[in-house]
Amino acid sequence: MRTEDQISGLEAELASLRARMRVLVDGSPLGIFFDDTEDKCVFVNTTFCEMMELSEDEALGEGWARTVHPGDLRRLLDERARAVSEGVPLFRAEYRYVCASGRTGWVEEQTRPVHGPDGTLLGYVGTLAEITGRKNEERLQARHSEELEERVRERTAELLAQAGRLAEMNAALEVLLRKREEDREELERAVLANVRRRILPALERLDAACSGEVRGLLAEVRQGLDELTDPFRHRLSAACLDLTPAETRVAELIREGLSTKEIAARLGVGTSTIDTHRLGIRRKLGLDGRQANLRARLLSLGAS
């Protein structure tokens, strides 16, 4: 049996060990707590008390819960209870706190179950770490990301609106260009028709009635008119590149609506010659049979 002196020595040694452990625990930068098997707080260190602005007696039992933000308390208790029932080896949670002075912030809690040598559950040891600075930084980053996303959305909407306006402008420009091309073609057709139907016949009559120097002047006028109307005839010639010059000339007059006799009179040849040219034009354009309208085909080539 141990003597009273031995027992006193053991008690003194145990008291010294507890004192040293208390110094170590109180010197930790983390808040430290210990809960019993019923999840009731039975110990807190000095750091815990300073963080939550509670005395040790105020923090024991369920007193610590008075500092948890009311908006987070129910969630924290439910998550704790679920971790205990599921035997989670490490429980983590982040929640807000509100001290009696009005100071607020965020802490991260980590709790582990503690078992004896025989595996019996002794309770739960946990720590609290101040994370207010990190949460504020996360909030600032989130706000910055939201502002950036909003600017991106606004810029995207602006670009889409600009693209829509450009599309409308392009469509309007295409209409204007198409109308301008149609007007130009119409003007060319009108000028060419007037030259062929009115001016050239008048010049031919003058040429027949005059002689000498006047005929030379009329030849210059014809040359000038040819130079003026040659670009207008170019598209028809380009569409029918395999036509001979004579066939091209006949095709232009057919396109203007002149009959075989009128073309023969205009060119000073017989109608049989014009018929030969018409047959050659039809063959080269792939018009088989008399039912296919030659003038309609020539007009479509000129429009294209």
C-alpha atoms as a PDB file:
ATOM      1  CA  MET A   1       0.000   0.000   0.000  1.00  0.00           C
ATOM      2  CA  ARG A   2       1.084   3.531  -0.713  1.00  0.00           C
ATOM      3  CA  THR A   3       1.921   5.738   2.209  1.00  0.00           C
ATOM      4  CA  GLU A   4       0.371   9.086   2.765  1.00  0.00           C
ATOM      5  CA  ASP A   5       3.636  10.710   1.689  1.00  0.00           C
ATOM      6  CA  GLN A   6       3.529   8.842  -1.617  1.00  0.00           C
ATOM      7  CA  ILE A   7      -0.079   9.870  -2.191  1.00  0.00           C
ATOM      8  CA  SER A   8       0.733  13.469  -1.390  1.00  0.00           C
ATOM      9  CA  GLY A   9       3.638  13.341  -3.787  1.00  0.00           C
ATOM     10  CA  LEU A  10       1.488  11.984  -6.582  1.00  0.00           C
ATOM     11  CA  GLU A  11      -1.168  14.621  -5.988  1.00  0.00           C
ATOM     12  CA  ALA A  12       1.464  17.355  -6.042  1.00  0.00           C
ATOM     13  CA  GLU A  13       2.938  15.966  -9.245  1.00  0.00           C
ATOM     14  CA  LEU A  14      -0.542  15.781 -10.813  1.00  0.00           C
ATOM     15  CA  ALA A  15      -1.293  19.358  -9.760  1.00  0.00           C
ATOM     16  CA  SER A  16       2.006  20.508 -11.257  1.00  0.00           C
ATOM     17  CA  LEU A  17       1.218  18.689 -14.509  1.00  0.00           C
ATOM     18  CA  ARG A  18      -2.234  20.276 -14.667  1.00  0.00           C
ATOM     19  CA  ALA A  19      -0.715  23.704 -14.074  1.00  0.00           C
ATOM     20  CA  ARG A  20       1.807  23.203 -16.871  1.00  0.00           C
ATOM     21  CA  MET A  21      -0.932  21.964 -19.227  1.00  0.00           C
ATOM     22  CA  ARG A  22      -3.075  24.971 -18.356  1.00  0.00           C
ATOM     23  CA  VAL A  23      -0.219  27.295 -19.216  1.00  0.00           C
ATOM     24  CA  LEU A  24       0.259  25.562 -22.563  1.00  0.00           C
ATOM     25  CA  VAL A  25      -3.463  25.571 -23.379  1.00  0.00           C
ATOM     26  CA  ASP A  26      -3.982  29.183 -22.334  1.00  0.00           C
ATOM     27  CA  GLY A  27      -0.959  30.239 -24.380  1.00  0.00           C
ATOM     28  CA  SER A  28      -2.450  28.871 -27.602  1.00  0.00           C
ATOM     29  CA  PRO A  29      -3.515  31.432 -30.245  1.00  0.00           C
ATOM     30  CA  LEU A  30      -6.583  29.243 -30.841  1.00  0.00           C
ATOM     31  CA  GLY A  31      -9.642  29.101 -28.662  1.00  0.00           C
ATOM     32  CA  ILE A  32      -9.743  25.620 -27.129  1.00  0.00           C
ATOM     33  CA  PHE A  33     -12.770  23.922 -25.570  1.00  0.00           C
ATOM     34  CA  PHE A  34     -13.716  20.491 -24.307  1.00  0.00           C
ATOM     35  CA  ASP A  35     -17.249  19.073 -24.373  1.00  0.00           C
ATOM     36  CA  ASP A  36     -18.472  16.016 -22.504  1.00  0.00           C
ATOM     37  CA  THR A  37     -20.248  13.087 -24.114  1.00  0.00           C
ATOM     38  CA  GLU A  38     -23.541  15.022 -23.936  1.00  0.00           C
ATOM     39  CA  ASP A  39     -21.908  17.816 -26.003  1.00  0.00           C
ATOM     40  CA  LYS A  40     -21.939  20.181 -22.996  1.00  0.00           C
ATOM     41  CA  CYS A  41     -18.914  22.437 -22.620  1.00  0.00           C
ATOM     42  CA  VAL A  42     -16.807  21.570 -19.541  1.00  0.00           C
ATOM     43  CA  PHE A  43     -13.615  23.509 -20.305  1.00  0.00           C
ATOM     44  CA  VAL A  44     -12.478  26.598 -22.268  1.00  0.00           C
ATOM     45  CA  ASN A  45      -9.067  28.240 -22.408  1.00  0.00           C
ATOM     46  CA  THR A  46      -8.293  31.908 -21.907  1.00  0.00           C
ATOM     47  CA  THR A  47      -8.067  32.587 -25.652  1.00  0.00           C
ATOM     48  CA  PHE A  48     -11.614  31.258 -26.121  1.00  0.00           C
ATOM     49  CA  CYS A  49     -12.898  33.548 -23.396  1.00  0.00           C
ATOM     50  CA  GLU A  50     -11.107  36.570 -24.872  1.00  0.00           C
ATOM     51  CA  MET A  51     -12.391  35.854 -28.374  1.00  0.00           C
ATOM     52  CA  MET A  52     -16.014  35.496 -27.277  1.00  0.00           C
ATOM     53  CA  GLU A  53     -15.811  38.086 -24.450  1.00  0.00           C
ATOM     54  CA  LEU A  54     -17.064  35.507 -21.931  1.00  0.00           C
ATOM     55  CA  SER A  55     -15.815  34.383 -18.556  1.00  0.00           C
ATOM     56  CA  GLU A  56     -15.021  30.709 -18.117  1.00  0.00           C
ATOM     57  CA  ASP A  57     -18.179  30.163 -16.064  1.00  0.00           C
ATOM     58  CA  GLU A  58     -20.307  31.968 -18.693  1.00  0.00           C
ATOM     59  CA  ALA A  59     -18.933  29.755 -21.477  1.00  0.00           C
ATOM     60  CA  LEU A  60     -19.507  26.392 -19.753  1.00  0.00           C
ATOM     61  CA  GLY A  61     -22.548  24.243 -20.400  1.00  0.00           C
ATOM     62  CA  GLU A  62     -24.442  25.854 -23.255  1.00  0.00           C
ATOM     63  CA  GLY A  63     -23.388  29.374 -22.353  1.00  0.00           C
ATOM     64  CA  TRP A  64     -20.998  29.573 -25.309  1.00  0.00           C
ATOM     65  CA  ALA A  65     -24.004  29.485 -27.676  1.00  0.00           C
ATOM     66  CA  ARG A  66     -25.087  32.994 -26.654  1.00  0.00           C
ATOM     67  CA  THR A  67     -22.251  34.425 -28.768  1.00  0.00           C
ATOM     68  CA  VAL A  68     -23.197  32.550 -31.980  1.00  0.00           C
ATOM     69  CA  HIS A  69     -25.038  34.746 -34.458  1.00  0.00           C
ATOM     70  CA  PRO A  70     -28.778  33.947 -34.271  1.00  0.00           C
ATOM     71  CA  GLY A  71     -28.834  33.404 -38.021  1.00  0.00           C
ATOM     72  CA  ASP A  72     -26.178  30.656 -37.758  1.00  0.00           C
ATOM     73  CA  LEU A  73     -26.975  28.964 -34.433  1.00  0.00           C
ATOM     74  CA  ARG A  74     -29.636  26.495 -35.607  1.00  0.00           C
ATOM     75  CA  ARG A  75     -27.508  25.421 -38.579  1.00  0.00           C
ATOM     76  CA  LEU A  76     -24.459  24.914 -36.341  1.00  0.00           C
ATOM     77  CA  LEU A  77     -26.373  22.828 -33.773  1.00  0.00           C
ATOM     78  CA  ASP A  78     -27.937  20.667 -36.494  1.00  0.00           C
ATOM     79  CA  GLU A  79     -24.582  20.070 -38.180  1.00  0.00           C
ATOM     80  CA  ARG A  80     -22.951  19.219 -34.820  1.00  0.00           C
ATOM     81  CA  ALA A  81     -25.684  16.742 -33.952  1.00  0.00           C
ATOM     82  CA  ARG A  82     -25.441  15.077 -37.352  1.00  0.00           C
ATOM     83  CA  ALA A  83     -21.644  14.774 -37.049  1.00  0.00           C
ATOM     84  CA  VAL A  84     -22.005  13.152 -33.598  1.00  0.00           C
ATOM     85  CA  SER A  85     -24.654  10.696 -34.793  1.00  0.00           C
ATOM     86  CA  GLU A  86     -22.594   9.732 -37.835  1.00  0.00           C
ATOM     87  CA  GLY A  87     -19.324   9.450 -35.886  1.00  0.00           C
ATOM     88  CA  VAL A  88     -17.508  11.956 -38.092  1.00  0.00           C
ATOM     89  CA  PRO A  89     -13.783  11.931 -37.146  1.00  0.00           C
ATOM     90  CA  LEU A  90     -13.364  15.667 -37.806  1.00  0.00           C
ATOM     91  CA  PHE A  91     -16.154  18.232 -37.751  1.00  0.00           C
ATOM     92  CA  ARG A  92     -15.623  21.622 -39.419  1.00  0.00           C
ATOM     93  CA  ALA A  93     -17.927  24.631 -39.473  1.00  0.00           C
ATOM     94  CA  GLU A  94     -17.713  28.353 -40.146  1.00  0.00           C
ATOM     95  CA  TYR A  95     -20.129  30.719 -38.429  1.00  0.00           C
ATOM     96  CA  ARG A  96     -20.574  34.275 -37.284  1.00  0.00           C
ATOM     97  CA  TYR A  97     -20.312  35.436 -33.700  1.00  0.00           C
ATOM     98  CA  VAL A  98     -21.731  38.469 -31.860  1.00  0.00           C
ATOM     99  CA  CYS A  99     -20.077  39.555 -28.619  1.00  0.00           C
ATOM    100  CA  ALA A 100     -21.753  41.456 -25.793  1.00  0.00           C
ATOM    101  CA  SER A 101     -19.848  44.620 -26.792  1.00  0.00           C
ATOM    102  CA  GLY A 102     -21.363  44.458 -30.296  1.00  0.00           C
ATOM    103  CA  ARG A 103     -18.167  43.204 -31.926  1.00  0.00           C
ATOM    104  CA  THR A 104     -18.881  40.724 -34.692  1.00  0.00           C
ATOM    105  CA  GLY A 105     -16.800  38.405 -36.800  1.00  0.00           C
ATOM    106  CA  TRP A 106     -16.294  34.913 -38.144  1.00  0.00           C
ATOM    107  CA  VAL A 107     -14.693  31.812 -36.615  1.00  0.00           C
ATOM    108  CA  GLU A 108     -13.854  28.362 -37.907  1.00  0.00           C
ATOM    109  CA  GLU A 109     -14.558  25.508 -35.530  1.00  0.00           C
ATOM    110  CA  GLN A 110     -12.842  22.112 -35.708  1.00  0.00           C
ATOM    111  CA  THR A 111     -13.897  19.366 -33.308  1.00  0.00           C
ATOM    112  CA  ARG A 112     -12.667  15.784 -32.831  1.00  0.00           C
ATOM    113  CA  PRO A 113     -13.992  13.003 -30.602  1.00  0.00           C
ATOM    114  CA  VAL A 114     -11.651  11.844 -27.778  1.00  0.00           C
ATOM    115  CA  HIS A 115     -11.546   8.167 -26.793  1.00  0.00           C
ATOM    116  CA  GLY A 116      -9.957   6.406 -23.806  1.00  0.00           C
ATOM    117  CA  PRO A 117      -7.467   3.532 -24.029  1.00  0.00           C
ATOM    118  CA  ASP A 118     -10.357   1.087 -24.133  1.00  0.00           C
ATOM    119  CA  GLY A 119     -12.129   3.022 -26.923  1.00  0.00           C
ATOM    120  CA  THR A 120     -14.688   4.615 -24.631  1.00  0.00           C
ATOM    121  CA  LEU A 121     -15.843   8.051 -25.785  1.00  0.00           C
ATOM    122  CA  LEU A 122     -14.599  10.638 -23.305  1.00  0.00           C
ATOM    123  CA  GLY A 123     -15.890  13.756 -25.039  1.00  0.00           C
ATOM    124  CA  TYR A 124     -14.931  16.185 -27.795  1.00  0.00           C
ATOM    125  CA  VAL A 125     -12.009  18.568 -28.063  1.00  0.00           C
ATOM    126  CA  GLY A 126     -12.313  21.548 -30.349  1.00  0.00           C
ATOM    127  CA  THR A 127     -10.618  24.733 -31.496  1.00  0.00           C
ATOM    128  CA  LEU A 128     -11.844  28.125 -32.681  1.00  0.00           C
ATOM    129  CA  ALA A 129      -9.812  30.150 -35.187  1.00  0.00           C
ATOM    130  CA  GLU A 130     -10.545  33.787 -36.014  1.00  0.00           C
ATOM    131  CA  ILE A 131     -11.230  34.036 -39.779  1.00  0.00           C
ATOM    132  CA  THR A 132     -12.908  37.452 -40.003  1.00  0.00           C
ATOM    133  CA  GLY A 133     -10.097  38.852 -42.145  1.00  0.00           C
ATOM    134  CA  ARG A 134     -10.320  35.975 -44.605  1.00  0.00           C
ATOM    135  CA  LYS A 135     -14.113  36.193 -44.823  1.00  0.00           C
ATOM    136  CA  ASN A 136     -13.910  39.951 -45.431  1.00  0.00           C
ATOM    137  CA  GLU A 137     -11.391  39.337 -48.207  1.00  0.00           C
ATOM    138  CA  GLU A 138     -13.643  36.663 -49.719  1.00  0.00           C
ATOM    139  CA  ARG A 139     -16.573  39.070 -49.568  1.00  0.00           C
ATOM    140  CA  LEU A 140     -14.554  41.784 -51.277  1.00  0.00           C
ATOM    141  CA  GLN A 141     -13.423  39.348 -53.961  1.00  0.00           C
ATOM    142  CA  ALA A 142     -16.991  38.160 -54.476  1.00  0.00           C
ATOM    143  CA  ARG A 143     -18.189  41.758 -54.787  1.00  0.00           C
ATOM    144  CA  HIS A 144     -15.379  42.511 -57.221  1.00  0.00           C
ATOM    145  CA  SER A 145     -16.298  39.419 -59.267  1.00  0.00           C
ATOM    146  CA  GLU A 146     -19.962  40.454 -59.327  1.00  0.00           C
ATOM    147  CA  GLU A 147     -19.051  43.972 -60.444  1.00  0.00           C
ATOM    148  CA  LEU A 148     -16.749  42.555 -63.113  1.00  0.00           C
ATOM    149  CA  GLU A 149     -19.445  40.169 -64.329  1.00  0.00           C
ATOM    150  CA  GLU A 150     -21.937  43.032 -64.417  1.00  0.00           C
ATOM    151  CA  ARG A 151     -19.543  45.141 -66.485  1.00  0.00           C
ATOM    152  CA  VAL A 152     -19.007  42.177 -68.815  1.00  0.00           C
ATOM    153  CA  ARG A 153     -22.787  41.736 -69.154  1.00  0.00           C
ATOM    154  CA  GLU A 154     -23.252  45.445 -69.848  1.00  0.00           C
ATOM    155  CA  ARG A 155     -20.420  45.483 -72.389  1.00  0.00           C
ATOM    156  CA  THR A 156     -21.765  42.335 -74.048  1.00  0.00           C
ATOM    157  CA  ALA A 157     -25.232  43.883 -74.285  1.00  0.00           C
ATOM    158  CA  GLU A 158     -23.694  47.050 -75.718  1.00  0.00           C
ATOM    159  CA  LEU A 159     -21.733  45.069 -78.315  1.00  0.00           C
ATOM    160  CA  LEU A 160     -24.820  43.074 -79.242  1.00  0.00           C
ATOM    161  CA  ALA A 161     -26.769  46.295 -79.645  1.00  0.00           C
ATOM    162  CA  GLN A 162     -24.007  47.734 -81.809  1.00  0.00           C
ATOM    163  CA  ALA A 163     -23.922  44.530 -83.851  1.00  0.00           C
ATOM    164  CA  GLY A 164     -27.680  44.803 -84.332  1.00  0.00           C
ATOM    165  CA  ARG A 165     -27.375  48.404 -85.464  1.00  0.00           C
ATOM    166  CA  LEU A 166     -24.543  47.481 -87.833  1.00  0.00           C
ATOM    167  CA  ALA A 167     -26.630  44.656 -89.255  1.00  0.00           C
ATOM    168  CA  GLU A 168     -29.498  47.068 -89.848  1.00  0.00           C
ATOM    169  CA  MET A 169     -27.152  49.577 -91.460  1.00  0.00           C
ATOM    170  CA  ASN A 170     -25.640  46.866 -93.657  1.00  0.00           C
ATOM    171  CA  ALA A 171     -29.091  45.726 -94.724  1.00  0.00           C
ATOM    172  CA  ALA A 172     -30.093  49.306 -95.531  1.00  0.00           C
ATOM    173  CA  LEU A 173     -26.828  49.835 -97.414  1.00  0.00           C
ATOM    174  CA  GLU A 174     -27.374  46.668 -99.432  1.00  0.00           C
ATOM    175  CA  VAL A 175     -30.841  47.892-100.365  1.00  0.00           C
ATOM    176  CA  LEU A 176     -29.431  51.271-101.402  1.00  0.00           C
ATOM    177  CA  LEU A 177     -26.626  49.690-103.417  1.00  0.00           C
ATOM    178  CA  ARG A 178     -29.038  47.315-105.091  1.00  0.00           C
ATOM    179  CA  LYS A 179     -31.375  50.197-105.900  1.00  0.00           C
ATOM    180  CA  ARG A 180     -28.452  52.227-107.207  1.00  0.00           C
ATOM    181  CA  GLU A 181     -27.393  49.315-109.436  1.00  0.00           C
ATOM    182  CA  GLU A 182     -30.956  48.900-110.684  1.00  0.00           C
ATOM    183  CA  ASP A 183     -31.217  52.635-111.375  1.00  0.00           C
ATOM    184  CA  ARG A 184     -27.893  52.574-113.222  1.00  0.00           C
ATOM    185  CA  GLU A 185     -28.945  49.628-115.345  1.00  0.00           C
ATOM    186  CA  GLU A 186     -32.272  51.265-116.080  1.00  0.00           C
ATOM    187  CA  LEU A 187     -30.514  54.462-117.108  1.00  0.00           C
ATOM    188  CA  GLU A 188     -28.130  52.547-119.343  1.00  0.00           C
ATOM    189  CA  ARG A 189     -31.006  50.716-120.997  1.00  0.00           C
ATOM    190  CA  ALA A 190     -32.877  53.956-121.538  1.00  0.00           C
ATOM    191  CA  VAL A 191     -29.852  55.734-123.031  1.00  0.00           C
ATOM    192  CA  LEU A 192     -29.011  52.762-125.252  1.00  0.00           C
ATOM    193  CA  ALA A 193     -32.608  52.412-126.423  1.00  0.00           C
ATOM    194  CA  ASN A 194     -32.883  56.112-127.251  1.00  0.00           C
ATOM    195  CA  VAL A 195     -29.624  56.047-129.156  1.00  0.00           C
ATOM    196  CA  ARG A 196     -30.579  52.947-131.120  1.00  0.00           C
ATOM    197  CA  ARG A 197     -34.210  53.780-131.783  1.00  0.00           C
ATOM    198  CA  ARG A 198     -34.140  57.518-132.292  1.00  0.00           C
ATOM    199  CA  ILE A 199     -30.688  58.992-132.737  1.00  0.00           C
ATOM    200  CA  LEU A 200     -29.104  56.388-135.000  1.00  0.00           C
ATOM    201  CA  PRO A 201     -32.096  56.180-137.355  1.00  0.00           C
ATOM    202  CA  ALA A 202     -32.072  59.972-137.633  1.00  0.00           C
ATOM    203  CA  LEU A 203     -28.362  59.936-138.379  1.00  0.00           C
ATOM    204  CA  GLU A 204     -28.880  57.313-141.067  1.00  0.00           C
ATOM    205  CA  ARG A 205     -31.554  59.445-142.720  1.00  0.00           C
ATOM    206  CA  LEU A 206     -29.231  62.453-142.569  1.00  0.00           C
ATOM    207  CA  ASP A 207     -26.420  60.394-143.997  1.00  0.00           C
ATOM    208  CA  ALA A 208     -28.621  59.360-146.905  1.00  0.00           C
ATOM    209  CA  ALA A 209     -29.672  62.946-147.552  1.00  0.00           C
ATOM    210  CA  CYS A 210     -26.242  64.547-147.226  1.00  0.00           C
ATOM    211  CA  SER A 211     -22.856  64.163-148.795  1.00  0.00           C
ATOM    212  CA  GLY A 212     -19.254  65.249-148.493  1.00  0.00           C
ATOM    213  CA  GLU A 213     -18.189  67.034-145.321  1.00  0.00           C
ATOM    214  CA  VAL A 214     -21.538  66.492-143.587  1.00  0.00           C
ATOM    215  CA  ARG A 215     -21.153  62.715-143.876  1.00  0.00           C
ATOM    216  CA  GLY A 216     -17.747  62.987-142.267  1.00  0.00           C
ATOM    217  CA  LEU A 217     -19.300  64.859-139.365  1.00  0.00           C
ATOM    218  CA  LEU A 218     -22.038  62.240-139.101  1.00  0.00           C
ATOM    219  CA  ALA A 219     -19.400  59.508-138.957  1.00  0.00           C
ATOM    220  CA  GLU A 220     -17.757  61.320-136.030  1.00  0.00           C
ATOM    221  CA  VAL A 221     -21.119  61.551-134.283  1.00  0.00           C
ATOM    222  CA  ARG A 222     -21.689  57.806-134.757  1.00  0.00           C
ATOM    223  CA  GLN A 223     -18.228  57.075-133.413  1.00  0.00           C
ATOM    224  CA  GLY A 224     -18.918  59.226-130.357  1.00  0.00           C
ATOM    225  CA  LEU A 225     -22.216  57.469-129.749  1.00  0.00           C
ATOM    226  CA  ASP A 226     -20.539  54.079-130.072  1.00  0.00           C
ATOM    227  CA  GLU A 227     -17.948  55.106-127.523  1.00  0.00           C
ATOM    228  CA  LEU A 228     -20.709  56.321-125.227  1.00  0.00           C
ATOM    229  CA  THR A 229     -22.838  53.198-125.449  1.00  0.00           C
ATOM    230  CA  ASP A 230     -20.088  50.599-125.696  1.00  0.00           C
ATOM    231  CA  PRO A 231     -19.833  50.152-121.873  1.00  0.00           C
ATOM    232  CA  PHE A 232     -23.602  49.607-121.765  1.00  0.00           C
ATOM    233  CA  ARG A 233     -23.323  46.782-124.289  1.00  0.00           C
ATOM    234  CA  HIS A 234     -20.414  45.188-122.459  1.00  0.00           C
ATOM    235  CA  ARG A 235     -22.482  43.073-120.022  1.00  0.00           C
ATOM    236  CA  LEU A 236     -24.470  41.500-122.801  1.00  0.00           C
ATOM    237  CA  SER A 237     -21.278  40.728-124.697  1.00  0.00           C
ATOM    238  CA  ALA A 238     -19.675  39.310-121.541  1.00  0.00           C
ATOM    239  CA  ALA A 239     -22.687  37.062-120.944  1.00  0.00           C
ATOM    240  CA  CYS A 240     -22.438  35.786-124.517  1.00  0.00           C
ATOM    241  CA  LEU A 241     -18.671  35.618-124.995  1.00  0.00           C
ATOM    242  CA  ASP A 242     -18.927  33.109-127.841  1.00  0.00           C
ATOM    243  CA  LEU A 243     -21.030  35.417-130.035  1.00  0.00           C
ATOM    244  CA  THR A 244     -19.356  36.956-133.057  1.00  0.00           C
ATOM    245  CA  PRO A 245     -19.292  40.748-133.331  1.00  0.00           C
ATOM    246  CA  ALA A 246     -22.075  40.600-135.925  1.00  0.00           C
ATOM    247  CA  GLU A 247     -24.144  38.291-133.713  1.00  0.00           C
ATOM    248  CA  THR A 248     -23.550  40.552-130.727  1.00  0.00           C
ATOM    249  CA  ARG A 249     -24.813  43.548-132.732  1.00  0.00           C
ATOM    250  CA  VAL A 250     -27.922  41.628-133.838  1.00  0.00           C
ATOM    251  CA  ALA A 251     -28.491  40.386-130.255  1.00  0.00           C
ATOM    252  CA  GLU A 252     -28.417  43.993-128.972  1.00  0.00           C
ATOM    253  CA  LEU A 253     -31.036  45.066-131.486  1.00  0.00           C
ATOM    254  CA  ILE A 254     -33.220  42.035-130.704  1.00  0.00           C
ATOM    255  CA  ARG A 255     -32.958  42.914-127.035  1.00  0.00           C
ATOM    256  CA  GLU A 256     -34.139  46.456-127.885  1.00  0.00           C
ATOM    257  CA  GLY A 257     -37.282  44.955-129.439  1.00  0.00           C
ATOM    258  CA  LEU A 258     -36.547  45.463-133.149  1.00  0.00           C
ATOM    259  CA  SER A 259     -38.019  43.028-135.661  1.00  0.00           C
ATOM    260  CA  THR A 260     -36.002  41.120-138.253  1.00  0.00           C
ATOM    261  CA  LYS A 261     -36.908  43.626-140.974  1.00  0.00           C
ATOM    262  CA  GLU A 262     -36.044  46.588-138.739  1.00  0.00           C
ATOM    263  CA  ILE A 263     -32.662  45.050-137.853  1.00  0.00           C
ATOM    264  CA  ALA A 264     -31.928  44.308-141.514  1.00  0.00           C
ATOM    265  CA  ALA A 265     -32.757  47.904-142.446  1.00  0.00           C
ATOM    266  CA  ARG A 266     -30.662  49.251-139.556  1.00  0.00           C
ATOM    267  CA  LEU A 267     -27.618  47.181-140.512  1.00  0.00           C
ATOM    268  CA  GLY A 268     -28.125  47.452-144.294  1.00  0.00           C
ATOM    269  CA  VAL A 269     -28.291  43.700-144.905  1.00  0.00           C
ATOM    270  CA  GLY A 270     -30.918  41.257-146.055  1.00  0.00           C
ATOM    271  CA  THR A 271     -33.442  39.620-143.739  1.00  0.00           C
ATOM    272  CA  SER A 272     -31.973  36.190-144.544  1.00  0.00           C
ATOM    273  CA  THR A 273     -28.666  37.327-143.056  1.00  0.00           C
ATOM    274  CA  ILE A 274     -30.453  38.408-139.876  1.00  0.00           C
ATOM    275  CA  ASP A 275     -32.282  35.045-139.745  1.00  0.00           C
ATOM    276  CA  THR A 276     -28.929  33.267-139.988  1.00  0.00           C
ATOM    277  CA  HIS A 277     -27.555  35.361-137.113  1.00  0.00           C
ATOM    278  CA  ARG A 278     -30.679  34.691-135.038  1.00  0.00           C
ATOM    279  CA  LEU A 279     -30.292  30.937-135.540  1.00  0.00           C
ATOM    280  CA  GLY A 280     -26.619  31.146-134.555  1.00  0.00           C
ATOM    281  CA  ILE A 281     -27.486  33.128-131.416  1.00  0.00           C
ATOM    282  CA  ARG A 282     -30.226  30.681-130.418  1.00  0.00           C
ATOM    283  CA  ARG A 283     -27.882  27.720-130.909  1.00  0.00           C
ATOM    284  CA  LYS A 284     -25.109  29.287-128.806  1.00  0.00           C
ATOM    285  CA  LEU A 285     -27.571  30.198-126.050  1.00  0.00           C
ATOM    286  CA  GLY A 286     -28.995  26.677-126.019  1.00  0.00           C
ATOM    287  CA  LEU A 287     -32.486  27.698-127.183  1.00  0.00           C
ATOM    288  CA  ASP A 288     -33.982  24.753-129.058  1.00  0.00           C
ATOM    289  CA  GLY A 289     -37.242  25.155-130.933  1.00  0.00           C
ATOM    290  CA  ARG A 290     -39.192  28.210-131.906  1.00  0.00           C
ATOM    291  CA  GLN A 291     -41.192  28.274-128.662  1.00  0.00           C
ATOM    292  CA  ALA A 292     -38.262  29.625-126.635  1.00  0.00           C
ATOM    293  CA  ASN A 293     -38.325  33.427-126.724  1.00  0.00           C
ATOM    294  CA  LEU A 294     -34.952  34.776-127.845  1.00  0.00           C
ATOM    295  CA  ARG A 295     -35.538  38.360-126.698  1.00  0.00           C
ATOM    296  CA  ALA A 296     -36.640  37.230-123.216  1.00  0.00           C
ATOM    297  CA  ARG A 297     -33.464  35.173-122.911  1.00  0.00           C
ATOM    298  CA  LEU A 298     -31.287  38.097-124.024  1.00  0.00           C
ATOM    299  CA  LEU A 299     -33.040  40.440-121.580  1.00  0.00           C
ATOM    300  CA  SER A 300     -32.404  37.998-118.712  1.00  0.00           C
ATOM    301  CA  LEU A 301     -28.712  37.837-119.620  1.00  0.00           C
ATOM    302  CA  GLY A 302     -28.488  41.599-119.654  1.00  0.00           C
ATOM    303  CA  ALA A 303     -30.204  41.863-116.236  1.00  0.00           C
ATOM    304  CA  SER A 304     -27.825  39.296-114.698  1.00  0.00           C
END
